[in-house]
Amino acid sequence: MRRTMKAASCPWAVASACDLRVASDRPSRVPGRSDGPAGRLPPESDMSRSTVVIVEDEPLVRLTASSLFAEAGITVVEFADGDAAIDYIRDHQGDVAAIFTDVYLPGETTGLELAGIVSQVCPDIAVLVTSGTHLGTPRDLGPRVRYVPKPWHPTDVLRTVRDAVLAAA
């Protein structure tokens, strides 16, 4: 589902101390493919024209999540910290359908803070939080935030993202 949003409806009041010139924090795009074990999302989700922002500090987990979405035909932009993700989402909010973030991240912005900021400031962006630590359900972040415990199953993540995007639309 293609996201379009008027700039005035998503006023970013968050300043980030992140320097995007640091090579490990620059966005890396993974082009979508139609083949692969994850398959494609059902047509009603129409996410093949949108972007999922993955925020995960663990390189192998980030690669796994990126590959999962790319194999489902979804454009992926990934970051190792929440500060760089905030900058990207602020500048590309019309393209972002969802964020999938770990709770514990390096830098000034944790995954829970990132989820709270995005769900409050840009409510039409679906927010998924994941962690290997039992958190219960992060209810204080609002009804649009979905929690996916680690270890997660690829089918569950794709279904949860699809459902969250449809609910946020």
N, C-alpha and C. Protein backbone atom coordinates (compact mmCIF):
# COMPACT_ATOMS: atom_id res chain seq x y z
N MET A 1 0.85 -1.16 0.00
CA MET A 1 0.00 0.00 0.00
C MET A 1 0.89 1.22 0.00
N ARG A 2 0.77 2.04 -0.97
CA ARG A 2 1.58 3.25 -1.10
C ARG A 2 1.12 4.28 -0.08
N ARG A 3 2.05 4.83 0.65
CA ARG A 3 1.74 5.82 1.66
C ARG A 3 1.89 7.21 1.08
N THR A 4 0.90 8.03 1.24
CA THR A 4 1.03 9.43 0.91
C THR A 4 0.58 10.22 2.12
N MET A 5 1.29 11.27 2.43
CA MET A 5 0.98 12.03 3.62
C MET A 5 1.38 13.48 3.40
N LYS A 6 0.54 14.38 3.77
CA LYS A 6 0.88 15.79 3.71
C LYS A 6 1.89 16.09 4.81
N ALA A 7 2.86 16.89 4.49
CA ALA A 7 3.91 17.20 5.46
C ALA A 7 3.33 17.79 6.73
N ALA A 8 2.28 18.58 6.62
CA ALA A 8 1.71 19.22 7.80
C ALA A 8 1.08 18.22 8.75
N SER A 9 0.68 17.03 8.25
CA SER A 9 0.05 16.06 9.12
C SER A 9 1.07 15.25 9.92
N CYS A 10 2.34 15.42 9.63
CA CYS A 10 3.38 14.69 10.33
C CYS A 10 4.51 15.64 10.71
N PRO A 11 4.26 16.53 11.66
CA PRO A 11 5.27 17.53 12.01
C PRO A 11 6.35 16.92 12.89
N TRP A 12 7.54 16.78 12.36
CA TRP A 12 8.64 16.20 13.13
C TRP A 12 9.24 17.25 14.03
N ALA A 13 9.18 16.96 15.31
CA ALA A 13 9.76 17.86 16.29
C ALA A 13 10.96 17.21 16.95
N VAL A 14 11.43 16.12 16.37
CA VAL A 14 12.51 15.35 16.95
C VAL A 14 13.80 15.68 16.24
N ALA A 15 14.80 16.07 16.99
CA ALA A 15 16.12 16.33 16.42
C ALA A 15 16.98 15.11 16.70
N SER A 16 17.79 14.74 15.74
CA SER A 16 18.65 13.59 15.89
C SER A 16 20.10 14.01 15.86
N ALA A 17 20.91 13.38 16.70
CA ALA A 17 22.33 13.69 16.74
C ALA A 17 23.12 12.78 15.80
N CYS A 18 22.42 11.96 15.03
CA CYS A 18 23.08 10.98 14.17
C CYS A 18 23.73 11.65 12.96
N ASP A 19 24.90 11.16 12.60
CA ASP A 19 25.57 11.63 11.40
C ASP A 19 25.44 10.54 10.35
N LEU A 20 24.64 10.78 9.32
CA LEU A 20 24.39 9.76 8.31
C LEU A 20 25.60 9.46 7.44
N ARG A 21 26.69 10.22 7.62
CA ARG A 21 27.89 9.93 6.84
C ARG A 21 28.64 8.73 7.38
N VAL A 22 28.30 8.24 8.54
CA VAL A 22 28.94 7.05 9.09
C VAL A 22 28.48 5.87 8.25
N ALA A 23 29.40 5.15 7.65
CA ALA A 23 29.07 4.12 6.66
C ALA A 23 28.12 3.06 7.20
N SER A 24 28.27 2.64 8.44
CA SER A 24 27.43 1.58 8.97
C SER A 24 26.00 2.03 9.23
N ASP A 25 25.75 3.34 9.25
CA ASP A 25 24.41 3.84 9.52
C ASP A 25 23.70 4.36 8.28
N ARG A 26 24.34 4.29 7.13
CA ARG A 26 23.66 4.73 5.92
C ARG A 26 22.65 3.68 5.51
N PRO A 27 21.52 4.09 4.93
CA PRO A 27 20.52 3.13 4.53
C PRO A 27 21.05 2.23 3.43
N SER A 28 20.74 0.95 3.52
CA SER A 28 21.09 0.03 2.46
C SER A 28 19.80 -0.52 1.89
N ARG A 29 19.64 -0.40 0.60
CA ARG A 29 18.41 -0.83 -0.04
C ARG A 29 18.58 -2.26 -0.53
N VAL A 30 17.55 -3.04 -0.32
CA VAL A 30 17.54 -4.41 -0.78
C VAL A 30 16.38 -4.52 -1.77
N PRO A 31 16.67 -4.69 -3.06
CA PRO A 31 15.57 -4.74 -4.02
C PRO A 31 14.71 -5.98 -3.80
N GLY A 32 13.43 -5.83 -4.01
CA GLY A 32 12.49 -6.93 -3.81
C GLY A 32 12.60 -7.96 -4.92
N ARG A 33 12.31 -9.20 -4.59
CA ARG A 33 12.28 -10.29 -5.56
C ARG A 33 10.96 -11.00 -5.41
N SER A 34 10.54 -11.65 -6.46
CA SER A 34 9.26 -12.35 -6.40
C SER A 34 9.43 -13.81 -6.02
N ASP A 35 10.67 -14.30 -6.01
CA ASP A 35 10.87 -15.69 -5.65
C ASP A 35 11.41 -15.80 -4.24
N GLY A 36 11.61 -17.00 -3.76
CA GLY A 36 12.19 -17.19 -2.44
C GLY A 36 11.22 -17.86 -1.50
N PRO A 37 11.74 -18.34 -0.36
CA PRO A 37 10.93 -19.12 0.56
C PRO A 37 9.80 -18.36 1.23
N ALA A 38 9.92 -17.05 1.36
CA ALA A 38 8.87 -16.31 2.05
C ALA A 38 7.65 -16.10 1.16
N GLY A 39 7.85 -16.17 -0.17
CA GLY A 39 6.73 -15.96 -1.09
C GLY A 39 6.33 -14.50 -1.11
N ARG A 40 5.23 -14.22 -1.76
CA ARG A 40 4.74 -12.86 -1.84
C ARG A 40 3.58 -12.68 -0.88
N LEU A 41 3.37 -11.44 -0.48
CA LEU A 41 2.23 -11.14 0.37
C LEU A 41 0.96 -11.22 -0.47
N PRO A 42 -0.15 -11.51 0.15
CA PRO A 42 -1.41 -11.53 -0.58
C PRO A 42 -1.67 -10.18 -1.24
N PRO A 43 -2.39 -10.19 -2.38
CA PRO A 43 -2.60 -8.95 -3.13
C PRO A 43 -3.26 -7.84 -2.33
N GLU A 44 -4.11 -8.16 -1.37
CA GLU A 44 -4.81 -7.11 -0.63
C GLU A 44 -3.87 -6.24 0.17
N SER A 45 -2.66 -6.72 0.46
CA SER A 45 -1.73 -5.92 1.23
C SER A 45 -1.03 -4.89 0.35
N ASP A 46 -0.80 -5.20 -0.94
CA ASP A 46 -0.21 -4.28 -1.91
C ASP A 46 0.99 -3.53 -1.35
N MET A 47 1.84 -4.20 -0.57
CA MET A 47 3.02 -3.56 0.01
C MET A 47 4.21 -3.58 -0.91
N SER A 48 4.09 -4.17 -2.08
CA SER A 48 5.24 -4.24 -2.98
C SER A 48 5.66 -2.85 -3.45
N ARG A 49 4.83 -1.83 -3.27
CA ARG A 49 5.16 -0.46 -3.68
C ARG A 49 5.52 0.41 -2.49
N SER A 50 5.72 -0.14 -1.31
CA SER A 50 6.03 0.64 -0.12
C SER A 50 7.34 0.17 0.50
N THR A 51 7.75 0.89 1.51
CA THR A 51 9.02 0.61 2.17
C THR A 51 8.79 0.18 3.61
N VAL A 52 9.54 -0.84 4.03
CA VAL A 52 9.60 -1.22 5.43
C VAL A 52 10.97 -0.82 5.94
N VAL A 53 11.00 -0.06 7.03
CA VAL A 53 12.25 0.35 7.65
C VAL A 53 12.57 -0.65 8.76
N ILE A 54 13.72 -1.29 8.65
CA ILE A 54 14.16 -2.25 9.66
C ILE A 54 15.24 -1.59 10.50
N VAL A 55 15.05 -1.64 11.82
CA VAL A 55 16.02 -1.04 12.73
C VAL A 55 16.45 -2.15 13.70
N GLU A 56 17.66 -2.62 13.51
CA GLU A 56 18.19 -3.75 14.28
C GLU A 56 19.69 -3.60 14.36
N ASP A 57 20.25 -3.66 15.58
CA ASP A 57 21.69 -3.48 15.73
C ASP A 57 22.48 -4.76 15.47
N GLU A 58 21.85 -5.90 15.55
CA GLU A 58 22.53 -7.18 15.32
C GLU A 58 22.55 -7.46 13.81
N PRO A 59 23.75 -7.45 13.17
CA PRO A 59 23.82 -7.56 11.71
C PRO A 59 23.13 -8.81 11.13
N LEU A 60 23.28 -9.95 11.75
CA LEU A 60 22.69 -11.16 11.20
C LEU A 60 21.16 -11.12 11.27
N VAL A 61 20.62 -10.61 12.36
CA VAL A 61 19.16 -10.49 12.49
C VAL A 61 18.63 -9.45 11.50
N ARG A 62 19.37 -8.35 11.34
CA ARG A 62 18.97 -7.32 10.38
C ARG A 62 18.97 -7.89 8.96
N LEU A 63 19.98 -8.65 8.62
CA LEU A 63 20.06 -9.28 7.29
C LEU A 63 18.92 -10.26 7.08
N THR A 64 18.61 -11.04 8.10
CA THR A 64 17.51 -12.01 8.00
C THR A 64 16.18 -11.30 7.76
N ALA A 65 15.92 -10.25 8.53
CA ALA A 65 14.67 -9.50 8.35
C ALA A 65 14.63 -8.82 6.99
N SER A 66 15.73 -8.24 6.56
CA SER A 66 15.78 -7.58 5.25
C SER A 66 15.51 -8.58 4.13
N SER A 67 16.13 -9.73 4.21
CA SER A 67 15.93 -10.76 3.20
C SER A 67 14.49 -11.24 3.17
N LEU A 68 13.89 -11.38 4.35
CA LEU A 68 12.50 -11.81 4.45
C LEU A 68 11.58 -10.86 3.68
N PHE A 69 11.70 -9.56 3.94
CA PHE A 69 10.83 -8.59 3.26
C PHE A 69 11.17 -8.49 1.78
N ALA A 70 12.46 -8.50 1.44
CA ALA A 70 12.85 -8.40 0.03
C ALA A 70 12.32 -9.59 -0.77
N GLU A 71 12.38 -10.78 -0.19
CA GLU A 71 11.87 -11.97 -0.87
C GLU A 71 10.35 -11.93 -1.04
N ALA A 72 9.69 -11.12 -0.23
CA ALA A 72 8.24 -10.95 -0.35
C ALA A 72 7.90 -9.80 -1.30
N GLY A 73 8.92 -9.20 -1.92
CA GLY A 73 8.69 -8.15 -2.89
C GLY A 73 8.54 -6.77 -2.29
N ILE A 74 9.03 -6.56 -1.07
CA ILE A 74 8.88 -5.30 -0.37
C ILE A 74 10.22 -4.57 -0.36
N THR A 75 10.19 -3.27 -0.62
CA THR A 75 11.40 -2.45 -0.54
C THR A 75 11.80 -2.31 0.92
N VAL A 76 13.08 -2.46 1.18
CA VAL A 76 13.60 -2.43 2.54
C VAL A 76 14.67 -1.36 2.67
N VAL A 77 14.63 -0.63 3.77
CA VAL A 77 15.72 0.28 4.15
C VAL A 77 16.06 -0.11 5.58
N GLU A 78 17.33 -0.33 5.84
CA GLU A 78 17.72 -0.81 7.16
C GLU A 78 18.71 0.11 7.84
N PHE A 79 18.63 0.10 9.19
CA PHE A 79 19.50 0.91 10.02
C PHE A 79 19.91 0.11 11.24
N ALA A 80 21.09 0.45 11.80
CA ALA A 80 21.58 -0.21 13.00
C ALA A 80 21.19 0.55 14.27
N ASP A 81 20.65 1.76 14.13
CA ASP A 81 20.26 2.52 15.32
C ASP A 81 19.02 3.36 15.04
N GLY A 82 18.34 3.75 16.10
CA GLY A 82 17.10 4.50 16.00
C GLY A 82 17.29 5.93 15.54
N ASP A 83 18.44 6.53 15.85
CA ASP A 83 18.69 7.92 15.47
C ASP A 83 18.69 8.08 13.95
N ALA A 84 19.39 7.21 13.25
CA ALA A 84 19.44 7.27 11.78
C ALA A 84 18.06 6.95 11.19
N ALA A 85 17.34 6.04 11.81
CA ALA A 85 16.00 5.69 11.32
C ALA A 85 15.05 6.87 11.42
N ILE A 86 15.12 7.63 12.50
CA ILE A 86 14.27 8.82 12.66
C ILE A 86 14.54 9.81 11.53
N ASP A 87 15.81 10.04 11.23
CA ASP A 87 16.14 10.97 10.15
C ASP A 87 15.54 10.50 8.83
N TYR A 88 15.68 9.22 8.54
CA TYR A 88 15.17 8.68 7.29
C TYR A 88 13.64 8.78 7.23
N ILE A 89 12.97 8.37 8.28
CA ILE A 89 11.50 8.39 8.30
C ILE A 89 10.99 9.82 8.16
N ARG A 90 11.63 10.74 8.83
CA ARG A 90 11.23 12.15 8.71
C ARG A 90 11.34 12.63 7.27
N ASP A 91 12.41 12.24 6.58
CA ASP A 91 12.65 12.71 5.21
C ASP A 91 11.90 11.93 4.14
N HIS A 92 11.44 10.71 4.46
CA HIS A 92 10.80 9.83 3.46
C HIS A 92 9.47 9.28 3.95
N GLN A 93 8.79 9.99 4.80
CA GLN A 93 7.57 9.48 5.43
C GLN A 93 6.51 9.05 4.43
N GLY A 94 6.44 9.66 3.28
CA GLY A 94 5.44 9.28 2.29
C GLY A 94 5.68 7.93 1.67
N ASP A 95 6.90 7.40 1.79
CA ASP A 95 7.24 6.10 1.23
C ASP A 95 7.21 4.98 2.26
N VAL A 96 7.16 5.32 3.53
CA VAL A 96 7.27 4.31 4.59
C VAL A 96 5.90 3.77 4.96
N ALA A 97 5.74 2.46 4.81
CA ALA A 97 4.50 1.79 5.21
C ALA A 97 4.60 1.29 6.63
N ALA A 98 5.82 0.85 7.04
CA ALA A 98 5.98 0.25 8.37
C ALA A 98 7.42 0.34 8.84
N ILE A 99 7.58 0.29 10.17
CA ILE A 99 8.91 0.11 10.74
C ILE A 99 8.88 -1.18 11.56
N PHE A 100 9.99 -1.88 11.53
CA PHE A 100 10.17 -3.12 12.28
C PHE A 100 11.45 -2.92 13.08
N THR A 101 11.31 -2.68 14.40
CA THR A 101 12.46 -2.28 15.20
C THR A 101 12.68 -3.18 16.41
N ASP A 102 13.94 -3.40 16.70
CA ASP A 102 14.33 -4.08 17.93
C ASP A 102 14.14 -3.07 19.07
N VAL A 103 14.03 -3.57 20.28
CA VAL A 103 13.85 -2.70 21.44
C VAL A 103 15.17 -2.05 21.85
N TYR A 104 16.21 -2.85 21.97
CA TYR A 104 17.49 -2.35 22.46
C TYR A 104 18.39 -2.00 21.30
N LEU A 105 18.71 -0.72 21.16
CA LEU A 105 19.51 -0.21 20.06
C LEU A 105 20.60 0.71 20.59
N PRO A 106 21.73 0.80 19.87
CA PRO A 106 22.74 1.77 20.27
C PRO A 106 22.27 3.18 19.92
N GLY A 107 22.91 4.16 20.51
CA GLY A 107 22.57 5.55 20.21
C GLY A 107 21.61 6.11 21.25
N GLU A 108 21.11 7.29 20.94
CA GLU A 108 20.25 8.00 21.89
C GLU A 108 18.81 7.53 21.88
N THR A 109 18.35 6.93 20.78
CA THR A 109 16.95 6.55 20.64
C THR A 109 16.79 5.03 20.68
N THR A 110 16.07 4.54 21.68
CA THR A 110 15.81 3.09 21.75
C THR A 110 14.70 2.73 20.77
N GLY A 111 14.50 1.43 20.57
CA GLY A 111 13.42 0.98 19.70
C GLY A 111 12.06 1.35 20.23
N LEU A 112 11.88 1.30 21.55
CA LEU A 112 10.60 1.68 22.13
C LEU A 112 10.34 3.17 21.96
N GLU A 113 11.38 3.99 22.11
CA GLU A 113 11.22 5.43 21.89
C GLU A 113 10.90 5.71 20.42
N LEU A 114 11.60 5.04 19.53
CA LEU A 114 11.33 5.19 18.10
C LEU A 114 9.89 4.81 17.78
N ALA A 115 9.44 3.68 18.32
CA ALA A 115 8.06 3.24 18.09
C ALA A 115 7.06 4.26 18.62
N GLY A 116 7.33 4.80 19.79
CA GLY A 116 6.43 5.79 20.37
C GLY A 116 6.38 7.06 19.54
N ILE A 117 7.53 7.53 19.08
CA ILE A 117 7.58 8.75 18.28
C ILE A 117 6.81 8.56 16.98
N VAL A 118 7.10 7.47 16.27
CA VAL A 118 6.46 7.25 14.97
C VAL A 118 4.96 7.03 15.13
N SER A 119 4.55 6.25 16.13
CA SER A 119 3.12 5.98 16.29
C SER A 119 2.34 7.23 16.68
N GLN A 120 2.97 8.16 17.38
CA GLN A 120 2.29 9.39 17.77
C GLN A 120 2.33 10.46 16.68
N VAL A 121 3.47 10.62 16.04
CA VAL A 121 3.65 11.70 15.08
C VAL A 121 3.14 11.33 13.69
N CYS A 122 3.29 10.07 13.30
CA CYS A 122 2.86 9.60 11.98
C CYS A 122 2.02 8.34 12.15
N PRO A 123 0.77 8.49 12.57
CA PRO A 123 -0.05 7.32 12.88
C PRO A 123 -0.40 6.43 11.69
N ASP A 124 -0.14 6.88 10.48
CA ASP A 124 -0.43 6.02 9.33
C ASP A 124 0.76 5.15 8.95
N ILE A 125 1.84 5.19 9.72
CA ILE A 125 2.96 4.26 9.55
C ILE A 125 2.79 3.16 10.59
N ALA A 126 2.70 1.92 10.11
CA ALA A 126 2.56 0.78 11.01
C ALA A 126 3.86 0.58 11.78
N VAL A 127 3.75 0.20 13.05
CA VAL A 127 4.92 0.04 13.91
C VAL A 127 4.93 -1.35 14.52
N LEU A 128 6.03 -2.06 14.31
CA LEU A 128 6.23 -3.37 14.92
C LEU A 128 7.50 -3.33 15.73
N VAL A 129 7.42 -3.83 16.96
CA VAL A 129 8.55 -3.88 17.88
C VAL A 129 8.87 -5.34 18.13
N THR A 130 10.16 -5.67 18.14
CA THR A 130 10.57 -7.04 18.41
C THR A 130 11.67 -7.06 19.45
N SER A 131 11.72 -8.15 20.23
CA SER A 131 12.76 -8.29 21.24
C SER A 131 12.86 -9.75 21.68
N GLY A 132 14.06 -10.12 22.07
CA GLY A 132 14.27 -11.44 22.65
C GLY A 132 13.99 -11.44 24.14
N THR A 133 13.80 -10.26 24.71
CA THR A 133 13.45 -10.11 26.11
C THR A 133 11.94 -10.01 26.23
N HIS A 134 11.35 -10.75 27.15
CA HIS A 134 9.90 -10.71 27.29
C HIS A 134 9.46 -9.33 27.76
N LEU A 135 8.63 -8.71 26.95
CA LEU A 135 8.13 -7.37 27.28
C LEU A 135 6.64 -7.37 27.56
N GLY A 136 5.99 -8.47 27.27
CA GLY A 136 4.54 -8.44 27.29
C GLY A 136 4.11 -7.67 26.06
N THR A 137 3.07 -6.90 26.16
CA THR A 137 2.61 -6.06 25.06
C THR A 137 2.87 -4.61 25.42
N PRO A 138 3.59 -3.88 24.60
CA PRO A 138 3.88 -2.49 24.93
C PRO A 138 2.64 -1.60 24.77
N ARG A 139 1.69 -1.76 25.66
CA ARG A 139 0.41 -1.04 25.58
C ARG A 139 0.56 0.47 25.72
N ASP A 140 1.58 0.89 26.43
CA ASP A 140 1.75 2.32 26.65
C ASP A 140 2.12 3.07 25.37
N LEU A 141 2.47 2.34 24.31
CA LEU A 141 2.82 2.98 23.06
C LEU A 141 1.63 3.19 22.13
N GLY A 142 0.49 2.70 22.52
CA GLY A 142 -0.71 2.92 21.72
C GLY A 142 -1.16 1.67 21.00
N PRO A 143 -2.37 1.71 20.51
CA PRO A 143 -2.98 0.54 19.89
C PRO A 143 -2.39 0.17 18.54
N ARG A 144 -1.66 1.06 17.90
CA ARG A 144 -1.11 0.76 16.58
C ARG A 144 0.22 0.01 16.64
N VAL A 145 0.84 -0.08 17.80
CA VAL A 145 2.12 -0.76 17.93
C VAL A 145 1.88 -2.25 18.13
N ARG A 146 2.54 -3.05 17.31
CA ARG A 146 2.43 -4.51 17.42
C ARG A 146 3.75 -5.04 17.96
N TYR A 147 3.66 -6.09 18.78
CA TYR A 147 4.85 -6.70 19.37
C TYR A 147 5.04 -8.10 18.78
N VAL A 148 6.25 -8.37 18.30
CA VAL A 148 6.60 -9.66 17.73
C VAL A 148 7.79 -10.19 18.52
N PRO A 149 7.58 -11.21 19.39
CA PRO A 149 8.70 -11.71 20.19
C PRO A 149 9.71 -12.49 19.35
N LYS A 150 10.98 -12.39 19.76
CA LYS A 150 12.05 -13.20 19.16
C LYS A 150 12.14 -14.51 19.93
N PRO A 151 12.46 -15.58 19.30
CA PRO A 151 12.65 -15.70 17.86
C PRO A 151 11.31 -15.68 17.14
N TRP A 152 11.26 -15.01 16.00
CA TRP A 152 10.03 -14.91 15.25
C TRP A 152 10.08 -15.81 14.03
N HIS A 153 8.91 -16.17 13.56
CA HIS A 153 8.78 -16.98 12.36
C HIS A 153 8.50 -16.04 11.19
N PRO A 154 9.15 -16.24 10.04
CA PRO A 154 8.97 -15.32 8.91
C PRO A 154 7.51 -15.10 8.52
N THR A 155 6.72 -16.14 8.48
CA THR A 155 5.32 -16.00 8.10
C THR A 155 4.57 -15.12 9.08
N ASP A 156 4.87 -15.27 10.37
CA ASP A 156 4.22 -14.44 11.39
C ASP A 156 4.58 -12.97 11.23
N VAL A 157 5.85 -12.68 10.92
CA VAL A 157 6.29 -11.30 10.75
C VAL A 157 5.59 -10.68 9.54
N LEU A 158 5.57 -11.39 8.41
CA LEU A 158 4.91 -10.86 7.21
C LEU A 158 3.43 -10.62 7.45
N ARG A 159 2.78 -11.55 8.11
CA ARG A 159 1.34 -11.41 8.39
C ARG A 159 1.10 -10.23 9.32
N THR A 160 1.93 -10.09 10.34
CA THR A 160 1.77 -9.00 11.30
C THR A 160 2.00 -7.64 10.64
N VAL A 161 3.01 -7.56 9.78
CA VAL A 161 3.26 -6.30 9.05
C VAL A 161 2.07 -5.98 8.15
N ARG A 162 1.61 -6.96 7.41
CA ARG A 162 0.47 -6.74 6.52
C ARG A 162 -0.75 -6.24 7.31
N ASP A 163 -1.06 -6.92 8.40
CA ASP A 163 -2.21 -6.54 9.21
C ASP A 163 -2.05 -5.15 9.82
N ALA A 164 -0.83 -4.84 10.26
CA ALA A 164 -0.58 -3.53 10.85
C ALA A 164 -0.69 -2.41 9.82
N VAL A 165 -0.20 -2.66 8.60
CA VAL A 165 -0.29 -1.66 7.54
C VAL A 165 -1.76 -1.43 7.18
N LEU A 166 -2.51 -2.49 7.04
CA LEU A 166 -3.94 -2.36 6.71
C LEU A 166 -4.69 -1.61 7.81
N ALA A 167 -4.35 -1.89 9.07
CA ALA A 167 -5.01 -1.22 10.19
C ALA A 167 -4.64 0.25 10.27
N ALA A 168 -3.41 0.59 9.89
CA ALA A 168 -2.96 1.97 9.98
C ALA A 168 -3.47 2.82 8.81
N ALA A 169 -3.92 2.17 7.77
CA ALA A 169 -4.38 2.90 6.56
C ALA A 169 -5.62 3.71 6.83
